[in-house]
């Protein structure tokens, strides 16, 4: 259930493009054709699926305060969290180079159409954002980190695929001259973001139940503590 909740939440509720507006440069530049958008979207999904769990391992066993305890007690006080950005970007750059080599080898036409935006995935804020969100949300296991990487990548993929399909159709529409190009694209993106906001109520029921359960537990603990304190006073 936790995996399913994270999967749908990352795609629809916390969508990289429509909720946090990350990766907008490539989203706007490479969304003129559906075929190009599919290629870049697939590359983003692959990079996120690999880098988020790898960066989770780095965060858990190297970067967090006390994470180096597995090397020995003398390393327990080390805190390498200041290296998070460097380590995360190094991992992302390595994976992007691998993707670039594969695409150039097996799909040269797609490689040429993506142009400079394929190597620029290495500095795409959506890719780095995936690892930083994983770190800030304190995802508990590598399985959940892998799930989050794939689902957030799919969310970005759906966003660029949707805008590419709309932009292909809009070429044949009578758009006012001042809004042609990026103007109408920004407006459509804003409207799509408003539409995706409606998914925000999908999981609120479960969250409210969890909050109620936590509140009930806290009240129970307080009541039992008061009873224990009163019993001790009576005994004394």
Protein backbone atom coordinates (compact mmCIF):
# COMPACT_ATOMS: atom_id res chain seq x y z
CA UNK A 1 0.00 0.00 0.00
CA UNK A 2 2.84 2.38 0.84
CA UNK A 3 4.48 1.77 -2.57
CA UNK A 4 1.16 2.31 -4.41
CA UNK A 5 0.46 5.52 -2.50
CA UNK A 6 3.94 6.89 -3.22
CA UNK A 7 3.62 5.92 -6.91
CA UNK A 8 0.36 7.79 -7.56
CA UNK A 9 1.29 10.70 -5.31
CA UNK A 10 4.57 11.30 -7.17
CA UNK A 11 2.90 11.18 -10.59
CA UNK A 12 -0.27 13.19 -10.01
CA UNK A 13 -0.06 15.16 -6.76
CA UNK A 14 3.67 16.02 -6.47
CA UNK A 15 4.27 16.15 -10.23
CA UNK A 16 7.73 17.58 -10.97
CA UNK A 17 6.43 20.00 -13.60
CA UNK A 18 2.94 20.95 -12.46
CA UNK A 19 3.47 20.97 -8.67
CA UNK A 20 7.05 22.25 -8.30
CA UNK A 21 7.77 23.55 -11.86
CA UNK A 22 11.13 21.78 -12.07
CA UNK A 23 12.80 20.93 -15.39
CA UNK A 24 10.97 23.69 -17.24
CA UNK A 25 13.84 24.55 -19.60
CA UNK A 26 13.86 21.17 -21.39
CA UNK A 27 10.08 20.84 -20.89
CA UNK A 28 9.53 23.98 -22.98
CA UNK A 29 12.36 23.53 -25.47
CA UNK A 30 11.95 19.85 -26.42
CA UNK A 31 8.14 19.67 -26.43
CA UNK A 32 7.56 20.81 -30.01
CA UNK A 33 7.26 17.21 -31.30
CA UNK A 34 5.77 14.16 -29.59
CA UNK A 35 8.55 11.85 -30.87
CA UNK A 36 11.28 14.06 -29.36
CA UNK A 37 9.33 14.47 -26.11
CA UNK A 38 8.95 10.69 -25.78
CA UNK A 39 12.72 10.19 -26.25
CA UNK A 40 13.68 12.80 -23.67
CA UNK A 41 10.96 11.66 -21.27
CA UNK A 42 12.20 8.07 -21.43
CA UNK A 43 15.76 9.26 -20.77
CA UNK A 44 14.58 11.25 -17.72
CA UNK A 45 12.67 8.23 -16.35
CA UNK A 46 15.78 6.04 -16.72
CA UNK A 47 18.12 8.58 -15.11
CA UNK A 48 15.76 9.19 -12.17
CA UNK A 49 15.14 5.44 -11.69
CA UNK A 50 18.90 4.84 -11.36
CA UNK A 51 20.15 7.99 -9.60
CA UNK A 52 17.52 8.26 -6.83
CA UNK A 53 18.22 4.79 -5.29
CA UNK A 54 21.99 5.20 -5.80
CA UNK A 55 21.89 8.60 -4.09
CA UNK A 56 19.75 7.05 -1.33
CA UNK A 57 22.58 4.57 -0.66
CA UNK A 58 25.12 7.41 -0.65
CA UNK A 59 22.95 9.43 1.73
CA UNK A 60 22.35 6.51 4.13
CA UNK A 61 25.88 5.11 4.28
CA UNK A 62 28.15 8.11 3.60
CA UNK A 63 26.51 11.54 3.81
CA UNK A 64 24.23 11.55 6.86
CA UNK A 65 25.65 12.48 10.29
CA UNK A 66 27.03 9.26 11.80
CA UNK A 67 26.51 7.31 8.57
CA UNK A 68 30.17 6.22 8.51
CA UNK A 69 29.76 4.24 11.71
CA UNK A 70 29.93 1.03 9.66
CA UNK A 71 33.64 1.81 9.09
CA UNK A 72 34.31 1.86 12.83
CA UNK A 73 33.46 3.74 16.01
CA UNK A 74 36.11 6.40 15.31
CA UNK A 75 34.11 7.52 12.23
CA UNK A 76 30.75 7.79 14.05
CA UNK A 77 31.05 11.57 14.58
CA UNK A 78 31.80 12.41 10.94
CA UNK A 79 29.21 14.52 9.11
CA UNK A 80 29.63 14.67 5.32
CA UNK A 81 26.19 16.13 4.55
CA UNK A 82 27.87 19.24 3.06
CA UNK A 83 28.98 17.00 0.15
CA UNK A 84 25.38 16.09 -0.81
CA UNK A 85 25.14 18.35 -3.86
CA UNK A 86 28.54 17.32 -5.24
CA UNK A 87 27.92 13.59 -4.76
CA UNK A 88 24.39 13.72 -6.17
CA UNK A 89 25.43 15.71 -9.24
CA UNK A 90 28.40 13.38 -9.86
CA UNK A 91 26.07 10.36 -9.83
CA UNK A 92 23.59 12.11 -12.15
CA UNK A 93 26.34 13.19 -14.58
CA UNK A 94 27.64 9.61 -14.77
CA UNK A 95 24.20 8.21 -15.61
CA UNK A 96 23.53 10.94 -18.17
CA UNK A 97 26.79 10.14 -19.95
CA UNK A 98 25.69 6.50 -20.10
CA UNK A 99 22.30 7.48 -21.54
CA UNK A 100 23.96 9.79 -24.09
CA UNK A 101 26.26 7.01 -25.31
CA UNK A 102 23.36 4.54 -25.63
CA UNK A 103 21.08 7.01 -27.48
CA UNK A 104 23.88 8.09 -29.85
CA UNK A 105 24.66 4.44 -30.63
CA UNK A 106 21.15 3.05 -31.14
CA UNK A 107 19.04 6.12 -32.05
CA UNK A 108 21.21 8.71 -33.84
CA UNK A 109 18.15 10.53 -35.25
CA UNK A 110 16.76 11.04 -31.73
CA UNK A 111 20.23 12.05 -30.52
CA UNK A 112 20.42 14.77 -33.17
CA UNK A 113 16.88 16.01 -32.50
CA UNK A 114 17.48 16.26 -28.73
CA UNK A 115 20.70 18.20 -29.36
CA UNK A 116 22.22 19.97 -26.38
CA UNK A 117 19.28 19.10 -24.10
CA UNK A 118 20.34 15.46 -23.70
CA UNK A 119 23.66 16.22 -21.96
CA UNK A 120 21.90 19.06 -20.11
CA UNK A 121 19.87 16.43 -18.22
CA UNK A 122 22.92 16.34 -15.92
CA UNK A 123 22.04 19.85 -14.69
CA UNK A 124 18.27 19.47 -15.05
CA UNK A 125 16.75 20.67 -11.79
CA UNK A 126 14.06 17.96 -11.99
CA UNK A 127 16.73 15.22 -11.84
CA UNK A 128 18.57 16.80 -8.91
CA UNK A 129 15.23 17.66 -7.32
CA UNK A 130 14.29 13.97 -7.27
CA UNK A 131 17.34 13.12 -5.15
CA UNK A 132 16.94 16.16 -2.89
CA UNK A 133 13.23 15.44 -2.31
CA UNK A 134 14.14 11.84 -1.51
CA UNK A 135 16.61 13.13 1.07
CA UNK A 136 14.32 15.77 2.61
CA UNK A 137 11.32 13.42 2.82
CA UNK A 138 13.48 10.81 4.56
CA UNK A 139 12.38 7.89 2.38
CA UNK A 140 12.85 4.78 4.49
CA UNK A 141 14.07 2.05 2.09
CA UNK A 142 15.87 1.62 -1.21
CA UNK A 143 12.72 0.02 -2.64
CA UNK A 144 10.72 3.17 -1.90
CA UNK A 145 13.56 5.30 -3.32
CA UNK A 146 13.47 3.27 -6.56
CA UNK A 147 9.68 3.62 -6.65
CA UNK A 148 9.95 7.38 -6.12
CA UNK A 149 12.57 7.71 -8.87
CA UNK A 150 10.45 5.86 -11.44
CA UNK A 151 7.15 7.50 -10.48
CA UNK A 152 8.53 11.05 -10.44
CA UNK A 153 10.15 10.34 -13.83
CA UNK A 154 6.84 9.05 -15.21
CA UNK A 155 5.15 12.21 -13.91
CA UNK A 156 7.66 14.38 -15.81
CA UNK A 157 7.28 12.13 -18.87
CA UNK A 158 3.48 12.52 -18.89
CA UNK A 159 3.81 16.29 -18.51
CA UNK A 160 6.14 16.75 -21.50
CA UNK A 161 4.16 14.23 -23.59
CA UNK A 162 0.89 16.07 -22.90
CA UNK A 163 2.26 19.52 -23.75
CA UNK A 164 3.97 18.17 -26.90
CA UNK A 165 0.69 16.66 -28.13
CA UNK A 166 -1.14 19.94 -27.45
CA UNK A 167 1.57 22.03 -29.15
CA UNK A 168 1.42 19.85 -32.27
CA UNK A 169 -2.34 20.44 -32.52
CA UNK A 170 -2.09 24.13 -31.66
CA UNK A 171 -0.02 24.80 -34.79
CA UNK A 172 -3.24 24.52 -36.80
CA UNK A 173 -5.22 26.78 -34.43
CA UNK A 174 -5.80 30.49 -34.78
CA UNK A 175 -3.74 31.67 -31.81
CA UNK A 176 -3.47 35.47 -31.36
CA UNK A 177 -0.10 36.73 -32.61
CA UNK A 178 1.21 38.02 -29.22
CA UNK A 179 0.59 34.60 -27.62
CA UNK A 180 2.15 32.39 -30.30
CA UNK A 181 5.08 30.22 -29.23
CA UNK A 182 6.02 30.25 -25.56
CA UNK A 183 3.16 32.57 -24.56
CA UNK A 184 0.36 30.09 -25.23
CA UNK A 185 2.58 27.25 -23.93
CA UNK A 186 2.93 28.96 -20.55
CA UNK A 187 -0.83 29.54 -20.37
CA UNK A 188 -1.59 25.89 -21.20
CA UNK A 189 0.99 24.71 -18.66
CA UNK A 190 -0.66 26.86 -15.98
CA UNK A 191 -4.10 25.45 -16.83
CA UNK A 192 -2.74 21.89 -16.76
CA UNK A 193 -1.14 22.60 -13.36
CA UNK A 194 -4.53 23.76 -12.04
CA UNK A 195 -6.05 20.54 -13.39
CA UNK A 196 -3.41 18.43 -11.64
CA UNK A 197 -4.13 20.29 -8.37
CA UNK A 198 -7.50 18.52 -8.34
CA UNK A 199 -5.66 15.25 -7.67
CA UNK A 200 -4.57 16.68 -4.32
CA UNK A 201 -7.62 15.22 -2.59
CA UNK A 202 -6.86 11.64 -3.67
CA UNK A 203 -4.96 10.64 -0.53
CA UNK A 204 -6.14 13.15 2.06
CA UNK A 205 -8.65 10.73 3.57
CA UNK A 206 -5.92 8.28 4.48
CA UNK A 207 -3.75 11.07 5.87
CA UNK A 208 -6.58 12.30 8.09
CA UNK A 209 -7.16 8.79 9.44
CA UNK A 210 -3.47 8.47 10.25
CA UNK A 211 -3.51 11.85 12.05
CA UNK A 212 -6.54 10.80 14.07
CA UNK A 213 -4.84 7.52 15.00
CA UNK A 214 -1.70 9.38 16.10
CA UNK A 215 -3.76 11.86 18.15
CA UNK A 216 -5.64 9.01 19.82
CA UNK A 217 -2.37 7.25 20.66
CA UNK A 218 -0.88 10.44 22.14
CA UNK A 219 -3.99 11.01 24.27
CA UNK A 220 -3.90 7.36 25.39
CA UNK A 221 -0.25 7.67 26.40
CA UNK A 222 -0.97 10.88 28.33
CA UNK A 223 -3.89 9.25 30.16
CA UNK A 224 -1.84 6.16 31.08
CA UNK A 225 1.00 8.39 32.29
CA UNK A 226 -1.39 10.39 34.49
CA UNK A 227 -2.81 7.16 35.95
CA UNK A 228 0.71 5.88 36.66
CA UNK A 229 1.69 9.19 38.33
CA UNK A 230 -1.46 9.15 40.49
CA UNK A 231 -0.80 5.53 41.49
CA UNK A 232 2.76 6.39 42.54
CA UNK A 233 1.49 9.33 44.64
CA UNK A 234 -1.08 7.13 46.36
CA UNK A 235 1.56 4.47 47.12
CA UNK A 236 3.88 7.12 48.52
